[in-house]
Amino acid sequence: MIFDDIHWSEEMEAAWKEIKQHRSVTLTIDLFFIGLVFFRKEQKVKQHFSVRF
């Protein structure tokens, strides 16, 4: 899934944090303007990445 404006406001920051903590989420990539969320059943350990450019 793709989420837009994840750092737009305090509410969006809180929503992004909650999304990352969801039990089904296994991988997130924070590209500042958008956030990518993956639900990979074969991945056993959660990973969170931030790419700032």
PDB file of N, CA and C in Angstrom:
ATOM      1  N   MET A   1       0.836  -1.164   0.000  1.00  0.00           N
ATOM      2  CA  MET A   1       0.000   0.000   0.000  1.00  0.00           C
ATOM      3  C   MET A   1       0.889   1.238   0.000  1.00  0.00           C
ATOM      4  N   ILE A   2       0.354   2.312  -0.533  1.00  0.00           N
ATOM      5  CA  ILE A   2       1.066   3.580  -0.581  1.00  0.00           C
ATOM      6  C   ILE A   2       0.246   4.615   0.178  1.00  0.00           C
ATOM      7  N   PHE A   3       0.900   5.317   1.098  1.00  0.00           N
ATOM      8  CA  PHE A   3       0.258   6.378   1.864  1.00  0.00           C
ATOM      9  C   PHE A   3       0.943   7.691   1.517  1.00  0.00           C
ATOM     10  N   ASP A   4       0.149   8.689   1.204  1.00  0.00           N
ATOM     11  CA  ASP A   4       0.666   9.990   0.803  1.00  0.00           C
ATOM     12  C   ASP A   4       0.727  10.940   2.000  1.00  0.00           C
ATOM     13  N   ASP A   5       1.669  11.860   1.977  1.00  0.00           N
ATOM     14  CA  ASP A   5       1.804  12.928   2.985  1.00  0.00           C
ATOM     15  C   ASP A   5       1.913  12.406   4.412  1.00  0.00           C
ATOM     16  N   ILE A   6       2.766  11.423   4.622  1.00  0.00           N
ATOM     17  CA  ILE A   6       2.876  10.799   5.949  1.00  0.00           C
ATOM     18  C   ILE A   6       3.495  11.713   6.994  1.00  0.00           C
ATOM     19  N   HIS A   7       4.113  12.811   6.574  1.00  0.00           N
ATOM     20  CA  HIS A   7       4.698  13.770   7.517  1.00  0.00           C
ATOM     21  C   HIS A   7       4.019  15.144   7.414  1.00  0.00           C
ATOM     22  N   TRP A   8       2.837  15.194   6.865  1.00  0.00           N
ATOM     23  CA  TRP A   8       2.126  16.448   6.621  1.00  0.00           C
ATOM     24  C   TRP A   8       1.730  17.161   7.910  1.00  0.00           C
ATOM     25  N   SER A   9       1.281  16.383   8.901  1.00  0.00           N
ATOM     26  CA  SER A   9       0.801  16.969  10.155  1.00  0.00           C
ATOM     27  C   SER A   9       1.098  16.005  11.304  1.00  0.00           C
ATOM     28  N   GLU A  10       0.858  16.467  12.506  1.00  0.00           N
ATOM     29  CA  GLU A  10       1.052  15.597  13.671  1.00  0.00           C
ATOM     30  C   GLU A  10       0.122  14.391  13.610  1.00  0.00           C
ATOM     31  N   GLU A  11      -1.089  14.600  13.121  1.00  0.00           N
ATOM     32  CA  GLU A  11      -2.048  13.505  13.006  1.00  0.00           C
ATOM     33  C   GLU A  11      -1.576  12.457  12.006  1.00  0.00           C
ATOM     34  N   MET A  12      -1.013  12.921  10.887  1.00  0.00           N
ATOM     35  CA  MET A  12      -0.498  11.976   9.887  1.00  0.00           C
ATOM     36  C   MET A  12       0.737  11.247  10.417  1.00  0.00           C
ATOM     37  N   GLU A  13       1.571  11.930  11.180  1.00  0.00           N
ATOM     38  CA  GLU A  13       2.725  11.278  11.818  1.00  0.00           C
ATOM     39  C   GLU A  13       2.240  10.168  12.748  1.00  0.00           C
ATOM     40  N   ALA A  14       1.206  10.461  13.527  1.00  0.00           N
ATOM     41  CA  ALA A  14       0.657   9.466  14.455  1.00  0.00           C
ATOM     42  C   ALA A  14       0.043   8.299  13.696  1.00  0.00           C
ATOM     43  N   ALA A  15      -0.649   8.592  12.609  1.00  0.00           N
ATOM     44  CA  ALA A  15      -1.252   7.529  11.795  1.00  0.00           C
ATOM     45  C   ALA A  15      -0.172   6.637  11.192  1.00  0.00           C
ATOM     46  N   TRP A  16       0.909   7.247  10.696  1.00  0.00           N
ATOM     47  CA  TRP A  16       2.010   6.475  10.108  1.00  0.00           C
ATOM     48  C   TRP A  16       2.633   5.553  11.168  1.00  0.00           C
ATOM     49  N   LYS A  17       2.815   6.072  12.372  1.00  0.00           N
ATOM     50  CA  LYS A  17       3.373   5.268  13.461  1.00  0.00           C
ATOM     51  C   LYS A  17       2.455   4.082  13.781  1.00  0.00           C
ATOM     52  N   GLU A  18       1.166   4.322  13.802  1.00  0.00           N
ATOM     53  CA  GLU A  18       0.203   3.250  14.083  1.00  0.00           C
ATOM     54  C   GLU A  18       0.188   2.209  12.968  1.00  0.00           C
ATOM     55  N   ILE A  19       0.271   2.663  11.730  1.00  0.00           N
ATOM     56  CA  ILE A  19       0.310   1.741  10.584  1.00  0.00           C
ATOM     57  C   ILE A  19       1.533   0.835  10.702  1.00  0.00           C
ATOM     58  N   LYS A  20       2.688   1.406  11.034  1.00  0.00           N
ATOM     59  CA  LYS A  20       3.920   0.617  11.154  1.00  0.00           C
ATOM     60  C   LYS A  20       3.811  -0.450  12.239  1.00  0.00           C
ATOM     61  N   GLN A  21       3.040  -0.180  13.275  1.00  0.00           N
ATOM     62  CA  GLN A  21       2.916  -1.117  14.393  1.00  0.00           C
ATOM     63  C   GLN A  21       1.876  -2.203  14.161  1.00  0.00           C
ATOM     64  N   HIS A  22       1.065  -2.085  13.118  1.00  0.00           N
ATOM     65  CA  HIS A  22       0.019  -3.080  12.862  1.00  0.00           C
ATOM     66  C   HIS A  22       0.644  -4.462  12.696  1.00  0.00           C
ATOM     67  N   ARG A  23      -0.004  -5.470  13.228  1.00  0.00           N
ATOM     68  CA  ARG A  23       0.582  -6.816  13.246  1.00  0.00           C
ATOM     69  C   ARG A  23       0.766  -7.420  11.855  1.00  0.00           C
ATOM     70  N   SER A  24      -0.011  -6.993  10.876  1.00  0.00           N
ATOM     71  CA  SER A  24       0.099  -7.542   9.520  1.00  0.00           C
ATOM     72  C   SER A  24       1.215  -6.909   8.699  1.00  0.00           C
ATOM     73  N   VAL A  25       1.694  -5.770   9.124  1.00  0.00           N
ATOM     74  CA  VAL A  25       2.730  -5.048   8.378  1.00  0.00           C
ATOM     75  C   VAL A  25       4.086  -5.675   8.678  1.00  0.00           C
ATOM     76  N   THR A  26       4.834  -5.999   7.618  1.00  0.00           N
ATOM     77  CA  THR A  26       6.150  -6.612   7.810  1.00  0.00           C
ATOM     78  C   THR A  26       7.288  -5.713   7.348  1.00  0.00           C
ATOM     79  N   LEU A  27       7.001  -4.751   6.481  1.00  0.00           N
ATOM     80  CA  LEU A  27       8.053  -3.891   5.939  1.00  0.00           C
ATOM     81  C   LEU A  27       7.458  -2.536   5.607  1.00  0.00           C
ATOM     82  N   THR A  28       8.131  -1.465   6.031  1.00  0.00           N
ATOM     83  CA  THR A  28       7.729  -0.114   5.633  1.00  0.00           C
ATOM     84  C   THR A  28       8.938   0.633   5.113  1.00  0.00           C
ATOM     85  N   ILE A  29       8.673   1.513   4.161  1.00  0.00           N
ATOM     86  CA  ILE A  29       9.712   2.377   3.614  1.00  0.00           C
ATOM     87  C   ILE A  29       9.171   3.802   3.638  1.00  0.00           C
ATOM     88  N   ASP A  30       9.838   4.650   4.391  1.00  0.00           N
ATOM     89  CA  ASP A  30       9.468   6.057   4.534  1.00  0.00           C
ATOM     90  C   ASP A  30      10.276   6.857   3.526  1.00  0.00           C
ATOM     91  N   LEU A  31       9.609   7.391   2.501  1.00  0.00           N
ATOM     92  CA  LEU A  31      10.264   8.224   1.489  1.00  0.00           C
ATOM     93  C   LEU A  31       9.957   9.702   1.723  1.00  0.00           C
ATOM     94  N   PHE A  32       9.598  10.039   2.923  1.00  0.00           N
ATOM     95  CA  PHE A  32       9.221  11.355   3.423  1.00  0.00           C
ATOM     96  C   PHE A  32       7.878  11.819   2.873  1.00  0.00           C
ATOM     97  N   PHE A  33       7.730  11.954   1.573  1.00  0.00           N
ATOM     98  CA  PHE A  33       6.451  12.405   1.016  1.00  0.00           C
ATOM     99  C   PHE A  33       5.424  11.279   0.966  1.00  0.00           C
ATOM    100  N   ILE A  34       5.900  10.047   0.795  1.00  0.00           N
ATOM    101  CA  ILE A  34       5.002   8.891   0.773  1.00  0.00           C
ATOM    102  C   ILE A  34       5.584   7.780   1.640  1.00  0.00           C
ATOM    103  N   GLY A  35       4.723   6.883   2.052  1.00  0.00           N
ATOM    104  CA  GLY A  35       5.147   5.705   2.799  1.00  0.00           C
ATOM    105  C   GLY A  35       4.689   4.453   2.083  1.00  0.00           C
ATOM    106  N   LEU A  36       5.575   3.498   1.935  1.00  0.00           N
ATOM    107  CA  LEU A  36       5.258   2.223   1.310  1.00  0.00           C
ATOM    108  C   LEU A  36       5.103   1.175   2.404  1.00  0.00           C
ATOM    109  N   VAL A  37       4.057   0.377   2.318  1.00  0.00           N
ATOM    110  CA  VAL A  37       3.771  -0.632   3.338  1.00  0.00           C
ATOM    111  C   VAL A  37       3.619  -1.981   2.652  1.00  0.00           C
ATOM    112  N   PHE A  38       4.301  -2.990   3.197  1.00  0.00           N
ATOM    113  CA  PHE A  38       4.274  -4.336   2.621  1.00  0.00           C
ATOM    114  C   PHE A  38       3.743  -5.331   3.649  1.00  0.00           C
ATOM    115  N   PHE A  39       3.041  -6.336   3.150  1.00  0.00           N
ATOM    116  CA  PHE A  39       2.474  -7.400   3.976  1.00  0.00           C
ATOM    117  C   PHE A  39       3.011  -8.732   3.433  1.00  0.00           C
ATOM    118  N   ARG A  40       4.257  -9.036   3.745  1.00  0.00           N
ATOM    119  CA  ARG A  40       4.914 -10.228   3.195  1.00  0.00           C
ATOM    120  C   ARG A  40       4.887 -11.346   4.227  1.00  0.00           C
ATOM    121  N   LYS A  41       4.102 -12.360   3.972  1.00  0.00           N
ATOM    122  CA  LYS A  41       3.944 -13.461   4.931  1.00  0.00           C
ATOM    123  C   LYS A  41       5.238 -14.251   5.121  1.00  0.00           C
ATOM    124  N   GLU A  42       6.084 -14.291   4.092  1.00  0.00           N
ATOM    125  CA  GLU A  42       7.336 -15.038   4.201  1.00  0.00           C
ATOM    126  C   GLU A  42       8.377 -14.299   5.043  1.00  0.00           C
ATOM    127  N   GLN A  43       8.175 -13.027   5.286  1.00  0.00           N
ATOM    128  CA  GLN A  43       9.106 -12.230   6.090  1.00  0.00           C
ATOM    129  C   GLN A  43       8.677 -12.308   7.550  1.00  0.00           C
ATOM    130  N   LYS A  44       9.541 -12.826   8.396  1.00  0.00           N
ATOM    131  CA  LYS A  44       9.206 -13.082   9.798  1.00  0.00           C
ATOM    132  C   LYS A  44       9.536 -11.926  10.730  1.00  0.00           C
ATOM    133  N   VAL A  45      10.492 -11.074  10.347  1.00  0.00           N
ATOM    134  CA  VAL A  45      10.932  -9.971  11.205  1.00  0.00           C
ATOM    135  C   VAL A  45      10.527  -8.648  10.553  1.00  0.00           C
ATOM    136  N   LYS A  46       9.894  -7.778  11.336  1.00  0.00           N
ATOM    137  CA  LYS A  46       9.515  -6.464  10.826  1.00  0.00           C
ATOM    138  C   LYS A  46      10.751  -5.636  10.527  1.00  0.00           C
ATOM    139  N   GLN A  47      10.663  -4.835   9.452  1.00  0.00           N
ATOM    140  CA  GLN A  47      11.742  -3.927   9.107  1.00  0.00           C
ATOM    141  C   GLN A  47      11.137  -2.586   8.700  1.00  0.00           C
ATOM    142  N   HIS A  48      11.791  -1.505   9.133  1.00  0.00           N
ATOM    143  CA  HIS A  48      11.337  -0.163   8.806  1.00  0.00           C
ATOM    144  C   HIS A  48      12.539   0.617   8.287  1.00  0.00           C
ATOM    145  N   PHE A  49      12.366   1.212   7.108  1.00  0.00           N
ATOM    146  CA  PHE A  49      13.449   1.974   6.489  1.00  0.00           C
ATOM    147  C   PHE A  49      13.003   3.411   6.246  1.00  0.00           C
ATOM    148  N   SER A  50      13.931   4.334   6.359  1.00  0.00           N
ATOM    149  CA  SER A  50      13.703   5.740   6.003  1.00  0.00           C
ATOM    150  C   SER A  50      14.736   6.121   4.969  1.00  0.00           C
ATOM    151  N   VAL A  51      14.266   6.628   3.836  1.00  0.00           N
ATOM    152  CA  VAL A  51      15.144   7.076   2.766  1.00  0.00           C
ATOM    153  C   VAL A  51      14.902   8.559   2.596  1.00  0.00           C
ATOM    154  N   ARG A  52      15.894   9.362   2.905  1.00  0.00           N
ATOM    155  CA  ARG A  52      15.777  10.816   2.806  1.00  0.00           C
ATOM    156  C   ARG A  52      16.680  11.288   1.673  1.00  0.00           C
ATOM    157  N   PHE A  53      16.105  12.006   0.736  1.00  0.00           N
ATOM    158  CA  PHE A  53      16.904  12.522  -0.376  1.00  0.00           C
ATOM    159  C   PHE A  53      16.494  13.918  -0.730  1.00  0.00           C
TER     160      PHE A  53
END
